[in-house]
Amino acid sequence: MRKIFFVLMCLTVMNTAQAFEDCVITTSGKLTDIKIENNQIIDVYPLITVMNEKNTLIVRPLKEGKTSFSVLKNGKERFTFNVEATKDKTSVSDVEGFDVLQIDEPPHIYEYDLDMPPIGKE
């Protein structure tokens, strides 16, 4: 029963958002030429993958505020994202053709001491 309670508690806590959560933005095309309106509020940088697809961005809020950034997709179309970072959450506007995923730091409930292993038979 204690194990079930612990698992439910972890799942509940993991679904809550922490302040200044990072966001991952992905799409099917190559993303280049990132332009940030106010780089004191957010930092946007590409995620380099093994296949070097250049289709993923990381958005990292630095402080509270509203700003926007734009990115060039496949060297043709420019897309603009509006970002609002508050002490409770970070919101990135939905843009067609892009997937936005918020990622949090894990809560610090995992900082606990484990029991010492049993002493083996001699």
PDB file of N, CA and C in Angstrom:
ATOM      1  N   MET A   1       0.831  -1.191   0.000  1.00  0.00           N
ATOM      2  CA  MET A   1       0.000   0.000   0.000  1.00  0.00           C
ATOM      3  C   MET A   1       0.875   1.254   0.000  1.00  0.00           C
ATOM      4  N   ARG A   2       1.982   1.238   0.769  1.00  0.00           N
ATOM      5  CA  ARG A   2       2.869   2.398   0.815  1.00  0.00           C
ATOM      6  C   ARG A   2       3.501   2.652  -0.546  1.00  0.00           C
ATOM      7  N   LYS A   3       3.824   1.574  -1.272  1.00  0.00           N
ATOM      8  CA  LYS A   3       4.438   1.734  -2.590  1.00  0.00           C
ATOM      9  C   LYS A   3       3.466   2.392  -3.564  1.00  0.00           C
ATOM     10  N   ILE A   4       2.204   1.990  -3.532  1.00  0.00           N
ATOM     11  CA  ILE A   4       1.206   2.581  -4.421  1.00  0.00           C
ATOM     12  C   ILE A   4       1.032   4.054  -4.097  1.00  0.00           C
ATOM     13  N   PHE A   5       0.970   4.396  -2.824  1.00  0.00           N
ATOM     14  CA  PHE A   5       0.833   5.790  -2.418  1.00  0.00           C
ATOM     15  C   PHE A   5       2.024   6.604  -2.902  1.00  0.00           C
ATOM     16  N   PHE A   6       3.248   6.057  -2.767  1.00  0.00           N
ATOM     17  CA  PHE A   6       4.448   6.761  -3.185  1.00  0.00           C
ATOM     18  C   PHE A   6       4.439   7.006  -4.694  1.00  0.00           C
ATOM     19  N   VAL A   7       4.043   5.995  -5.476  1.00  0.00           N
ATOM     20  CA  VAL A   7       3.997   6.133  -6.936  1.00  0.00           C
ATOM     21  C   VAL A   7       2.967   7.187  -7.322  1.00  0.00           C
ATOM     22  N   LEU A   8       1.779   7.158  -6.709  1.00  0.00           N
ATOM     23  CA  LEU A   8       0.757   8.154  -7.006  1.00  0.00           C
ATOM     24  C   LEU A   8       1.224   9.550  -6.631  1.00  0.00           C
ATOM     25  N   MET A   9       1.909   9.669  -5.507  1.00  0.00           N
ATOM     26  CA  MET A   9       2.419  10.962  -5.084  1.00  0.00           C
ATOM     27  C   MET A   9       3.447  11.480  -6.087  1.00  0.00           C
ATOM     28  N   CYS A  10       4.339  10.618  -6.563  1.00  0.00           N
ATOM     29  CA  CYS A  10       5.363  11.027  -7.536  1.00  0.00           C
ATOM     30  C   CYS A  10       4.718  11.466  -8.847  1.00  0.00           C
ATOM     31  N   LEU A  11       3.729  10.721  -9.323  1.00  0.00           N
ATOM     32  CA  LEU A  11       3.066  11.081 -10.571  1.00  0.00           C
ATOM     33  C   LEU A  11       2.340  12.412 -10.437  1.00  0.00           C
ATOM     34  N   THR A  12       1.727  12.653  -9.303  1.00  0.00           N
ATOM     35  CA  THR A  12       1.034  13.911  -9.080  1.00  0.00           C
ATOM     36  C   THR A  12       2.007  15.074  -9.045  1.00  0.00           C
ATOM     37  N   VAL A  13       3.101  14.909  -8.350  1.00  0.00           N
ATOM     38  CA  VAL A  13       4.087  15.974  -8.234  1.00  0.00           C
ATOM     39  C   VAL A  13       4.777  16.208  -9.572  1.00  0.00           C
ATOM     40  N   MET A  14       5.014  15.175 -10.347  1.00  0.00           N
ATOM     41  CA  MET A  14       5.706  15.321 -11.619  1.00  0.00           C
ATOM     42  C   MET A  14       4.871  16.083 -12.640  1.00  0.00           C
ATOM     43  N   ASN A  15       3.549  16.112 -12.491  1.00  0.00           N
ATOM     44  CA  ASN A  15       2.710  16.825 -13.432  1.00  0.00           C
ATOM     45  C   ASN A  15       2.623  18.312 -13.144  1.00  0.00           C
ATOM     46  N   THR A  16       3.093  18.754 -12.004  1.00  0.00           N
ATOM     47  CA  THR A  16       3.030  20.174 -11.688  1.00  0.00           C
ATOM     48  C   THR A  16       4.181  20.901 -12.353  1.00  0.00           C
ATOM     49  N   ALA A  17       3.942  22.127 -12.756  1.00  0.00           N
ATOM     50  CA  ALA A  17       4.967  22.909 -13.454  1.00  0.00           C
ATOM     51  C   ALA A  17       5.775  23.727 -12.462  1.00  0.00           C
ATOM     52  N   GLN A  18       7.049  23.806 -12.702  1.00  0.00           N
ATOM     53  CA  GLN A  18       7.941  24.619 -11.896  1.00  0.00           C
ATOM     54  C   GLN A  18       8.157  25.947 -12.612  1.00  0.00           C
ATOM     55  N   ALA A  19       8.595  26.960 -11.889  1.00  0.00           N
ATOM     56  CA  ALA A  19       8.835  28.266 -12.495  1.00  0.00           C
ATOM     57  C   ALA A  19       9.980  28.178 -13.484  1.00  0.00           C
ATOM     58  N   PHE A  20       9.869  28.983 -14.523  1.00  0.00           N
ATOM     59  CA  PHE A  20      10.890  29.065 -15.559  1.00  0.00           C
ATOM     60  C   PHE A  20      11.229  27.703 -16.160  1.00  0.00           C
ATOM     61  N   GLU A  21      10.209  26.968 -16.538  1.00  0.00           N
ATOM     62  CA  GLU A  21      10.439  25.678 -17.175  1.00  0.00           C
ATOM     63  C   GLU A  21      11.009  25.878 -18.569  1.00  0.00           C
ATOM     64  N   ASP A  22      11.905  25.005 -18.968  1.00  0.00           N
ATOM     65  CA  ASP A  22      12.458  25.037 -20.312  1.00  0.00           C
ATOM     66  C   ASP A  22      11.433  24.443 -21.270  1.00  0.00           C
ATOM     67  N   CYS A  23      11.534  24.813 -22.541  1.00  0.00           N
ATOM     68  CA  CYS A  23      10.631  24.290 -23.559  1.00  0.00           C
ATOM     69  C   CYS A  23      11.453  23.733 -24.714  1.00  0.00           C
ATOM     70  N   VAL A  24      10.929  22.673 -25.316  1.00  0.00           N
ATOM     71  CA  VAL A  24      11.534  22.084 -26.504  1.00  0.00           C
ATOM     72  C   VAL A  24      10.558  22.297 -27.650  1.00  0.00           C
ATOM     73  N   ILE A  25      11.042  22.837 -28.759  1.00  0.00           N
ATOM     74  CA  ILE A  25      10.223  23.076 -29.940  1.00  0.00           C
ATOM     75  C   ILE A  25      10.802  22.243 -31.079  1.00  0.00           C
ATOM     76  N   THR A  26       9.947  21.425 -31.701  1.00  0.00           N
ATOM     77  CA  THR A  26      10.402  20.567 -32.795  1.00  0.00           C
ATOM     78  C   THR A  26       9.508  20.751 -34.011  1.00  0.00           C
ATOM     79  N   THR A  27      10.054  20.431 -35.162  1.00  0.00           N
ATOM     80  CA  THR A  27       9.309  20.484 -36.419  1.00  0.00           C
ATOM     81  C   THR A  27       9.974  19.536 -37.404  1.00  0.00           C
ATOM     82  N   SER A  28       9.416  19.443 -38.595  1.00  0.00           N
ATOM     83  CA  SER A  28       9.956  18.515 -39.589  1.00  0.00           C
ATOM     84  C   SER A  28      11.039  19.135 -40.462  1.00  0.00           C
ATOM     85  N   GLY A  29      11.201  20.445 -40.426  1.00  0.00           N
ATOM     86  CA  GLY A  29      12.181  21.103 -41.292  1.00  0.00           C
ATOM     87  C   GLY A  29      13.397  21.607 -40.543  1.00  0.00           C
ATOM     88  N   LYS A  30      14.360  22.107 -41.291  1.00  0.00           N
ATOM     89  CA  LYS A  30      15.602  22.647 -40.730  1.00  0.00           C
ATOM     90  C   LYS A  30      15.354  24.058 -40.219  1.00  0.00           C
ATOM     91  N   LEU A  31      15.751  24.332 -38.969  1.00  0.00           N
ATOM     92  CA  LEU A  31      15.542  25.628 -38.336  1.00  0.00           C
ATOM     93  C   LEU A  31      16.859  26.396 -38.268  1.00  0.00           C
ATOM     94  N   THR A  32      16.834  27.633 -38.772  1.00  0.00           N
ATOM     95  CA  THR A  32      18.037  28.471 -38.772  1.00  0.00           C
ATOM     96  C   THR A  32      17.648  29.914 -38.455  1.00  0.00           C
ATOM     97  N   ASP A  33      18.624  30.782 -38.355  1.00  0.00           N
ATOM     98  CA  ASP A  33      18.456  32.233 -38.210  1.00  0.00           C
ATOM     99  C   ASP A  33      17.477  32.603 -37.087  1.00  0.00           C
ATOM    100  N   ILE A  34      17.844  32.275 -35.852  1.00  0.00           N
ATOM    101  CA  ILE A  34      17.019  32.581 -34.682  1.00  0.00           C
ATOM    102  C   ILE A  34      17.218  34.046 -34.314  1.00  0.00           C
ATOM    103  N   LYS A  35      16.114  34.775 -34.176  1.00  0.00           N
ATOM    104  CA  LYS A  35      16.157  36.192 -33.775  1.00  0.00           C
ATOM    105  C   LYS A  35      15.284  36.362 -32.545  1.00  0.00           C
ATOM    106  N   ILE A  36      15.880  36.847 -31.442  1.00  0.00           N
ATOM    107  CA  ILE A  36      15.177  37.025 -30.175  1.00  0.00           C
ATOM    108  C   ILE A  36      14.908  38.507 -29.970  1.00  0.00           C
ATOM    109  N   GLU A  37      13.655  38.849 -29.627  1.00  0.00           N
ATOM    110  CA  GLU A  37      13.288  40.246 -29.387  1.00  0.00           C
ATOM    111  C   GLU A  37      14.015  40.807 -28.167  1.00  0.00           C
ATOM    112  N   ASN A  38      13.985  40.069 -27.038  1.00  0.00           N
ATOM    113  CA  ASN A  38      14.639  40.525 -25.807  1.00  0.00           C
ATOM    114  C   ASN A  38      15.401  39.340 -25.206  1.00  0.00           C
ATOM    115  N   ASN A  39      16.704  39.307 -25.415  1.00  0.00           N
ATOM    116  CA  ASN A  39      17.493  38.163 -24.948  1.00  0.00           C
ATOM    117  C   ASN A  39      17.817  38.212 -23.461  1.00  0.00           C
ATOM    118  N   GLN A  40      17.280  39.193 -22.738  1.00  0.00           N
ATOM    119  CA  GLN A  40      17.422  39.196 -21.283  1.00  0.00           C
ATOM    120  C   GLN A  40      16.308  38.387 -20.626  1.00  0.00           C
ATOM    121  N   ILE A  41      15.241  38.111 -21.364  1.00  0.00           N
ATOM    122  CA  ILE A  41      14.121  37.337 -20.827  1.00  0.00           C
ATOM    123  C   ILE A  41      14.250  35.860 -21.180  1.00  0.00           C
ATOM    124  N   ILE A  42      14.624  35.545 -22.420  1.00  0.00           N
ATOM    125  CA  ILE A  42      14.770  34.150 -22.839  1.00  0.00           C
ATOM    126  C   ILE A  42      16.067  33.957 -23.611  1.00  0.00           C
ATOM    127  N   ASP A  43      16.484  32.701 -23.667  1.00  0.00           N
ATOM    128  CA  ASP A  43      17.593  32.284 -24.516  1.00  0.00           C
ATOM    129  C   ASP A  43      17.060  31.149 -25.379  1.00  0.00           C
ATOM    130  N   VAL A  44      17.290  31.209 -26.674  1.00  0.00           N
ATOM    131  CA  VAL A  44      16.825  30.180 -27.610  1.00  0.00           C
ATOM    132  C   VAL A  44      18.040  29.669 -28.363  1.00  0.00           C
ATOM    133  N   TYR A  45      18.207  28.349 -28.352  1.00  0.00           N
ATOM    134  CA  TYR A  45      19.348  27.783 -29.056  1.00  0.00           C
ATOM    135  C   TYR A  45      18.985  26.420 -29.629  1.00  0.00           C
ATOM    136  N   PRO A  46      19.647  26.007 -30.712  1.00  0.00           N
ATOM    137  CA  PRO A  46      19.332  24.722 -31.342  1.00  0.00           C
ATOM    138  C   PRO A  46      19.874  23.557 -30.517  1.00  0.00           C
ATOM    139  N   LEU A  47      19.174  22.451 -30.585  1.00  0.00           N
ATOM    140  CA  LEU A  47      19.626  21.208 -29.973  1.00  0.00           C
ATOM    141  C   LEU A  47      20.340  20.420 -31.063  1.00  0.00           C
ATOM    142  N   ILE A  48      21.607  20.154 -30.856  1.00  0.00           N
ATOM    143  CA  ILE A  48      22.402  19.433 -31.849  1.00  0.00           C
ATOM    144  C   ILE A  48      22.206  17.937 -31.632  1.00  0.00           C
ATOM    145  N   THR A  49      21.744  17.244 -32.658  1.00  0.00           N
ATOM    146  CA  THR A  49      21.500  15.804 -32.567  1.00  0.00           C
ATOM    147  C   THR A  49      22.605  15.041 -33.298  1.00  0.00           C
ATOM    148  N   VAL A  50      22.610  13.746 -33.123  1.00  0.00           N
ATOM    149  CA  VAL A  50      23.611  12.905 -33.776  1.00  0.00           C
ATOM    150  C   VAL A  50      23.463  12.993 -35.295  1.00  0.00           C
ATOM    151  N   MET A  51      22.225  13.022 -35.777  1.00  0.00           N
ATOM    152  CA  MET A  51      21.983  13.081 -37.219  1.00  0.00           C
ATOM    153  C   MET A  51      22.107  14.507 -37.767  1.00  0.00           C
ATOM    154  N   ASN A  52      22.331  15.502 -36.896  1.00  0.00           N
ATOM    155  CA  ASN A  52      22.505  16.905 -37.278  1.00  0.00           C
ATOM    156  C   ASN A  52      21.321  17.421 -38.109  1.00  0.00           C
ATOM    157  N   GLU A  53      20.093  17.074 -37.650  1.00  0.00           N
ATOM    158  CA  GLU A  53      18.888  17.459 -38.378  1.00  0.00           C
ATOM    159  C   GLU A  53      18.533  18.936 -38.212  1.00  0.00           C
ATOM    160  N   LYS A  54      18.937  19.559 -37.121  1.00  0.00           N
ATOM    161  CA  LYS A  54      18.684  20.978 -36.847  1.00  0.00           C
ATOM    162  C   LYS A  54      17.196  21.312 -36.887  1.00  0.00           C
ATOM    163  N   ASN A  55      16.371  20.424 -36.308  1.00  0.00           N
ATOM    164  CA  ASN A  55      14.927  20.646 -36.291  1.00  0.00           C
ATOM    165  C   ASN A  55      14.370  20.812 -34.878  1.00  0.00           C
ATOM    166  N   THR A  56      15.232  21.045 -33.897  1.00  0.00           N
ATOM    167  CA  THR A  56      14.800  21.163 -32.502  1.00  0.00           C
ATOM    168  C   THR A  56      15.454  22.387 -31.864  1.00  0.00           C
ATOM    169  N   LEU A  57      14.629  23.146 -31.122  1.00  0.00           N
ATOM    170  CA  LEU A  57      15.113  24.316 -30.395  1.00  0.00           C
ATOM    171  C   LEU A  57      14.837  24.143 -28.908  1.00  0.00           C
ATOM    172  N   ILE A  58      15.704  24.715 -28.082  1.00  0.00           N
ATOM    173  CA  ILE A  58      15.498  24.785 -26.638  1.00  0.00           C
ATOM    174  C   ILE A  58      15.234  26.247 -26.294  1.00  0.00           C
ATOM    175  N   VAL A  59      14.154  26.491 -25.552  1.00  0.00           N
ATOM    176  CA  VAL A  59      13.830  27.832 -25.069  1.00  0.00           C
ATOM    177  C   VAL A  59      14.046  27.830 -23.564  1.00  0.00           C
ATOM    178  N   ARG A  60      14.966  28.665 -23.093  1.00  0.00           N
ATOM    179  CA  ARG A  60      15.289  28.733 -21.665  1.00  0.00           C
ATOM    180  C   ARG A  60      14.969  30.126 -21.134  1.00  0.00           C
ATOM    181  N   PRO A  61      13.935  30.255 -20.286  1.00  0.00           N
ATOM    182  CA  PRO A  61      13.625  31.553 -19.688  1.00  0.00           C
ATOM    183  C   PRO A  61      14.708  31.967 -18.700  1.00  0.00           C
ATOM    184  N   LEU A  62      15.030  33.256 -18.689  1.00  0.00           N
ATOM    185  CA  LEU A  62      16.054  33.778 -17.797  1.00  0.00           C
ATOM    186  C   LEU A  62      15.459  34.622 -16.669  1.00  0.00           C
ATOM    187  N   LYS A  63      14.340  35.317 -16.961  1.00  0.00           N
ATOM    188  CA  LYS A  63      13.638  36.097 -15.942  1.00  0.00           C
ATOM    189  C   LYS A  63      12.202  36.309 -16.407  1.00  0.00           C
ATOM    190  N   GLU A  64      11.386  36.866 -15.529  1.00  0.00           N
ATOM    191  CA  GLU A  64       9.979  37.084 -15.846  1.00  0.00           C
ATOM    192  C   GLU A  64       9.818  38.159 -16.913  1.00  0.00           C
ATOM    193  N   GLY A  65       8.807  37.959 -17.771  1.00  0.00           N
ATOM    194  CA  GLY A  65       8.509  38.953 -18.782  1.00  0.00           C
ATOM    195  C   GLY A  65       7.880  38.348 -20.016  1.00  0.00           C
ATOM    196  N   LYS A  66       7.554  39.206 -20.980  1.00  0.00           N
ATOM    197  CA  LYS A  66       6.998  38.786 -22.263  1.00  0.00           C
ATOM    198  C   LYS A  66       7.955  39.202 -23.359  1.00  0.00           C
ATOM    199  N   THR A  67       8.138  38.313 -24.317  1.00  0.00           N
ATOM    200  CA  THR A  67       8.985  38.604 -25.467  1.00  0.00           C
ATOM    201  C   THR A  67       8.579  37.688 -26.603  1.00  0.00           C
ATOM    202  N   SER A  68       9.305  37.736 -27.689  1.00  0.00           N
ATOM    203  CA  SER A  68       9.053  36.836 -28.811  1.00  0.00           C
ATOM    204  C   SER A  68      10.380  36.523 -29.495  1.00  0.00           C
ATOM    205  N   PHE A  69      10.338  35.476 -30.290  1.00  0.00           N
ATOM    206  CA  PHE A  69      11.494  35.151 -31.119  1.00  0.00           C
ATOM    207  C   PHE A  69      10.979  34.593 -32.433  1.00  0.00           C
ATOM    208  N   SER A  70      11.808  34.675 -33.453  1.00  0.00           N
ATOM    209  CA  SER A  70      11.435  34.132 -34.753  1.00  0.00           C
ATOM    210  C   SER A  70      12.536  33.204 -35.241  1.00  0.00           C
ATOM    211  N   VAL A  71      12.139  32.304 -36.124  1.00  0.00           N
ATOM    212  CA  VAL A  71      13.070  31.321 -36.658  1.00  0.00           C
ATOM    213  C   VAL A  71      12.722  31.078 -38.123  1.00  0.00           C
ATOM    214  N   LEU A  72      13.741  30.824 -38.934  1.00  0.00           N
ATOM    215  CA  LEU A  72      13.562  30.544 -40.352  1.00  0.00           C
ATOM    216  C   LEU A  72      13.495  29.032 -40.542  1.00  0.00           C
ATOM    217  N   LYS A  73      12.427  28.558 -41.193  1.00  0.00           N
ATOM    218  CA  LYS A  73      12.241  27.112 -41.419  1.00  0.00           C
ATOM    219  C   LYS A  73      12.538  26.792 -42.876  1.00  0.00           C
ATOM    220  N   ASN A  74      13.457  25.851 -43.099  1.00  0.00           N
ATOM    221  CA  ASN A  74      13.871  25.397 -44.429  1.00  0.00           C
ATOM    222  C   ASN A  74      14.377  26.541 -45.311  1.00  0.00           C
ATOM    223  N   GLY A  75      14.871  27.616 -44.694  1.00  0.00           N
ATOM    224  CA  GLY A  75      15.422  28.736 -45.450  1.00  0.00           C
ATOM    225  C   GLY A  75      14.384  29.532 -46.221  1.00  0.00           C
ATOM    226  N   LYS A  76      13.076  29.316 -45.938  1.00  0.00           N
ATOM    227  CA  LYS A  76      12.032  29.971 -46.727  1.00  0.00           C
ATOM    228  C   LYS A  76      11.070  30.786 -45.875  1.00  0.00           C
ATOM    229  N   GLU A  77      10.444  30.148 -44.892  1.00  0.00           N
ATOM    230  CA  GLU A  77       9.393  30.793 -44.112  1.00  0.00           C
ATOM    231  C   GLU A  77       9.886  31.178 -42.726  1.00  0.00           C
ATOM    232  N   ARG A  78       9.487  32.372 -42.276  1.00  0.00           N
ATOM    233  CA  ARG A  78       9.827  32.825 -40.933  1.00  0.00           C
ATOM    234  C   ARG A  78       8.601  32.665 -40.046  1.00  0.00           C
ATOM    235  N   PHE A  79       8.813  32.031 -38.871  1.00  0.00           N
ATOM    236  CA  PHE A  79       7.748  31.810 -37.897  1.00  0.00           C
ATOM    237  C   PHE A  79       8.100  32.554 -36.616  1.00  0.00           C
ATOM    238  N   THR A  80       7.073  33.146 -35.984  1.00  0.00           N
ATOM    239  CA  THR A  80       7.266  33.915 -34.758  1.00  0.00           C
ATOM    240  C   THR A  80       6.543  33.235 -33.601  1.00  0.00           C
ATOM    241  N   PHE A  81       7.233  33.131 -32.462  1.00  0.00           N
ATOM    242  CA  PHE A  81       6.685  32.548 -31.242  1.00  0.00           C
ATOM    243  C   PHE A  81       6.638  33.627 -30.164  1.00  0.00           C
ATOM    244  N   ASN A  82       5.503  33.747 -29.492  1.00  0.00           N
ATOM    245  CA  ASN A  82       5.375  34.643 -28.346  1.00  0.00           C
ATOM    246  C   ASN A  82       5.622  33.837 -27.085  1.00  0.00           C
ATOM    247  N   VAL A  83       6.419  34.390 -26.170  1.00  0.00           N
ATOM    248  CA  VAL A  83       6.787  33.698 -24.943  1.00  0.00           C
ATOM    249  C   VAL A  83       6.449  34.581 -23.751  1.00  0.00           C
ATOM    250  N   GLU A  84       5.826  33.967 -22.736  1.00  0.00           N
ATOM    251  CA  GLU A  84       5.564  34.664 -21.478  1.00  0.00           C
ATOM    252  C   GLU A  84       6.117  33.815 -20.343  1.00  0.00           C
ATOM    253  N   ALA A  85       7.050  34.380 -19.609  1.00  0.00           N
ATOM    254  CA  ALA A  85       7.662  33.695 -18.471  1.00  0.00           C
ATOM    255  C   ALA A  85       7.190  34.379 -17.191  1.00  0.00           C
ATOM    256  N   THR A  86       6.536  33.614 -16.325  1.00  0.00           N
ATOM    257  CA  THR A  86       6.107  34.123 -15.025  1.00  0.00           C
ATOM    258  C   THR A  86       6.714  33.245 -13.948  1.00  0.00           C
ATOM    259  N   LYS A  87       6.475  33.627 -12.693  1.00  0.00           N
ATOM    260  CA  LYS A  87       7.045  32.816 -11.614  1.00  0.00           C
ATOM    261  C   LYS A  87       6.370  31.458 -11.513  1.00  0.00           C
ATOM    262  N   ASP A  88       5.168  31.314 -12.092  1.00  0.00           N
ATOM    263  CA  ASP A  88       4.438  30.050 -12.012  1.00  0.00           C
ATOM    264  C   ASP A  88       4.660  29.133 -13.198  1.00  0.00           C
ATOM    265  N   LYS A  89       4.833  29.696 -14.411  1.00  0.00           N
ATOM    266  CA  LYS A  89       5.005  28.847 -15.594  1.00  0.00           C
ATOM    267  C   LYS A  89       5.572  29.644 -16.751  1.00  0.00           C
ATOM    268  N   THR A  90       5.926  28.921 -17.793  1.00  0.00           N
ATOM    269  CA  THR A  90       6.413  29.524 -19.028  1.00  0.00           C
ATOM    270  C   THR A  90       5.484  29.088 -20.153  1.00  0.00           C
ATOM    271  N   SER A  91       4.972  30.043 -20.916  1.00  0.00           N
ATOM    272  CA  SER A  91       4.048  29.748 -22.013  1.00  0.00           C
ATOM    273  C   SER A  91       4.666  30.152 -23.339  1.00  0.00           C
ATOM    274  N   VAL A  92       4.584  29.240 -24.306  1.00  0.00           N
ATOM    275  CA  VAL A  92       5.032  29.519 -25.669  1.00  0.00           C
ATOM    276  C   VAL A  92       3.817  29.360 -26.568  1.00  0.00           C
ATOM    277  N   SER A  93       3.595  30.331 -27.450  1.00  0.00           N
ATOM    278  CA  SER A  93       2.423  30.282 -28.324  1.00  0.00           C
ATOM    279  C   SER A  93       2.491  29.084 -29.264  1.00  0.00           C
ATOM    280  N   ASP A  94       1.311  28.568 -29.598  1.00  0.00           N
ATOM    281  CA  ASP A  94       1.226  27.456 -30.552  1.00  0.00           C
ATOM    282  C   ASP A  94       1.346  28.003 -31.965  1.00  0.00           C
ATOM    283  N   VAL A  95       2.182  27.373 -32.758  1.00  0.00           N
ATOM    284  CA  VAL A  95       2.359  27.739 -34.157  1.00  0.00           C
ATOM    285  C   VAL A  95       2.169  26.474 -34.969  1.00  0.00           C
ATOM    286  N   GLU A  96       1.368  26.568 -36.030  1.00  0.00           N
ATOM    287  CA  GLU A  96       1.068  25.392 -36.842  1.00  0.00           C
ATOM    288  C   GLU A  96       2.341  24.798 -37.447  1.00  0.00           C
ATOM    289  N   GLY A  97       2.459  23.481 -37.347  1.00  0.00           N
ATOM    290  CA  GLY A  97       3.629  22.787 -37.876  1.00  0.00           C
ATOM    291  C   GLY A  97       4.746  22.590 -36.869  1.00  0.00           C
ATOM    292  N   PHE A  98       4.564  23.098 -35.643  1.00  0.00           N
ATOM    293  CA  PHE A  98       5.566  22.983 -34.598  1.00  0.00           C
ATOM    294  C   PHE A  98       4.949  22.310 -33.372  1.00  0.00           C
ATOM    295  N   ASP A  99       5.727  21.502 -32.692  1.00  0.00           N
ATOM    296  CA  ASP A  99       5.308  20.893 -31.425  1.00  0.00           C
ATOM    297  C   ASP A  99       6.093  21.545 -30.301  1.00  0.00           C
ATOM    298  N   VAL A 100       5.379  21.961 -29.250  1.00  0.00           N
ATOM    299  CA  VAL A 100       6.010  22.599 -28.095  1.00  0.00           C
ATOM    300  C   VAL A 100       5.819  21.692 -26.895  1.00  0.00           C
ATOM    301  N   LEU A 101       6.909  21.386 -26.212  1.00  0.00           N
ATOM    302  CA  LEU A 101       6.879  20.528 -25.041  1.00  0.00           C
ATOM    303  C   LEU A 101       7.572  21.240 -23.890  1.00  0.00           C
ATOM    304  N   GLN A 102       6.842  21.444 -22.791  1.00  0.00           N
ATOM    305  CA  GLN A 102       7.442  22.044 -21.598  1.00  0.00           C
ATOM    306  C   GLN A 102       8.151  20.952 -20.811  1.00  0.00           C
ATOM    307  N   ILE A 103       9.358  21.245 -20.354  1.00  0.00           N
ATOM    308  CA  ILE A 103      10.097  20.288 -19.527  1.00  0.00           C
ATOM    309  C   ILE A 103      10.532  20.991 -18.258  1.00  0.00           C
ATOM    310  N   ASP A 104      10.303  20.326 -17.144  1.00  0.00           N
ATOM    311  CA  ASP A 104      10.644  20.866 -15.837  1.00  0.00           C
ATOM    312  C   ASP A 104      11.839  20.136 -15.264  1.00  0.00           C
ATOM    313  N   GLU A 105      12.473  20.802 -14.318  1.00  0.00           N
ATOM    314  CA  GLU A 105      13.421  20.085 -13.486  1.00  0.00           C
ATOM    315  C   GLU A 105      12.612  19.149 -12.605  1.00  0.00           C
ATOM    316  N   PRO A 106      13.116  17.979 -12.319  1.00  0.00           N
ATOM    317  CA  PRO A 106      12.365  17.108 -11.421  1.00  0.00           C
ATOM    318  C   PRO A 106      12.277  17.729 -10.033  1.00  0.00           C
ATOM    319  N   PRO A 107      11.156  17.518  -9.348  1.00  0.00           N
ATOM    320  CA  PRO A 107      11.050  18.057  -7.992  1.00  0.00           C
ATOM    321  C   PRO A 107      12.087  17.421  -7.082  1.00  0.00           C
ATOM    322  N   HIS A 108      12.401  18.106  -6.022  1.00  0.00           N
ATOM    323  CA  HIS A 108      13.462  17.643  -5.131  1.00  0.00           C
ATOM    324  C   HIS A 108      12.967  16.640  -4.098  1.00  0.00           C
ATOM    325  N   ILE A 109      11.837  15.990  -4.359  1.00  0.00           N
ATOM    326  CA  ILE A 109      11.363  14.980  -3.407  1.00  0.00           C
ATOM    327  C   ILE A 109      12.207  13.723  -3.480  1.00  0.00           C
ATOM    328  N   TYR A 110      13.044  13.626  -4.511  1.00  0.00           N
ATOM    329  CA  TYR A 110      13.874  12.440  -4.675  1.00  0.00           C
ATOM    330  C   TYR A 110      15.136  12.482  -3.820  1.00  0.00           C
ATOM    331  N   GLU A 111      15.323  13.558  -3.080  1.00  0.00           N
ATOM    332  CA  GLU A 111      16.487  13.654  -2.213  1.00  0.00           C
ATOM    333  C   GLU A 111      16.181  12.960  -0.886  1.00  0.00           C
ATOM    334  N   TYR A 112      16.414  11.675  -0.852  1.00  0.00           N
ATOM    335  CA  TYR A 112      16.175  10.913   0.366  1.00  0.00           C
ATOM    336  C   TYR A 112      17.315   9.919   0.541  1.00  0.00           C
ATOM    337  N   ASP A 113      17.488   9.453   1.751  1.00  0.00           N
ATOM    338  CA  ASP A 113      18.553   8.525   2.068  1.00  0.00           C
ATOM    339  C   ASP A 113      18.046   7.091   1.881  1.00  0.00           C
ATOM    340  N   LEU A 114      18.857   6.285   1.262  1.00  0.00           N
ATOM    341  CA  LEU A 114      18.534   4.880   1.113  1.00  0.00           C
ATOM    342  C   LEU A 114      19.074   4.120   2.307  1.00  0.00           C
ATOM    343  N   ASP A 115      18.427   3.013   2.611  1.00  0.00           N
ATOM    344  CA  ASP A 115      18.926   2.150   3.670  1.00  0.00           C
ATOM    345  C   ASP A 115      20.239   1.532   3.238  1.00  0.00           C
ATOM    346  N   MET A 116      21.071   1.264   4.215  1.00  0.00           N
ATOM    347  CA  MET A 116      22.337   0.593   3.922  1.00  0.00           C
ATOM    348  C   MET A 116      22.040  -0.832   3.473  1.00  0.00           C
ATOM    349  N   PRO A 117      22.846  -1.375   2.557  1.00  0.00           N
ATOM    350  CA  PRO A 117      22.607  -2.760   2.132  1.00  0.00           C
ATOM    351  C   PRO A 117      22.852  -3.719   3.274  1.00  0.00           C
ATOM    352  N   PRO A 118      22.158  -4.841   3.257  1.00  0.00           N
ATOM    353  CA  PRO A 118      22.352  -5.810   4.339  1.00  0.00           C
ATOM    354  C   PRO A 118      23.777  -6.386   4.286  1.00  0.00           C
ATOM    355  N   ILE A 119      24.253  -6.749   5.443  1.00  0.00           N
ATOM    356  CA  ILE A 119      25.580  -7.351   5.535  1.00  0.00           C
ATOM    357  C   ILE A 119      25.460  -8.796   5.072  1.00  0.00           C
ATOM    358  N   GLY A 120      26.337  -9.198   4.145  1.00  0.00           N
ATOM    359  CA  GLY A 120      26.276 -10.554   3.594  1.00  0.00           C
ATOM    360  C   GLY A 120      26.695 -11.601   4.607  1.00  0.00           C
ATOM    361  N   LYS A 121      26.275 -12.818   4.358  1.00  0.00           N
ATOM    362  CA  LYS A 121      26.664 -13.931   5.230  1.00  0.00           C
ATOM    363  C   LYS A 121      28.121 -14.255   4.992  1.00  0.00           C
ATOM    364  N   GLU A 122      28.794 -14.575   6.066  1.00  0.00           N
ATOM    365  CA  GLU A 122      30.219 -14.893   5.928  1.00  0.00           C
ATOM    366  C   GLU A 122      30.457 -16.355   6.118  1.00  0.00           C
TER     367      GLU A 122
END
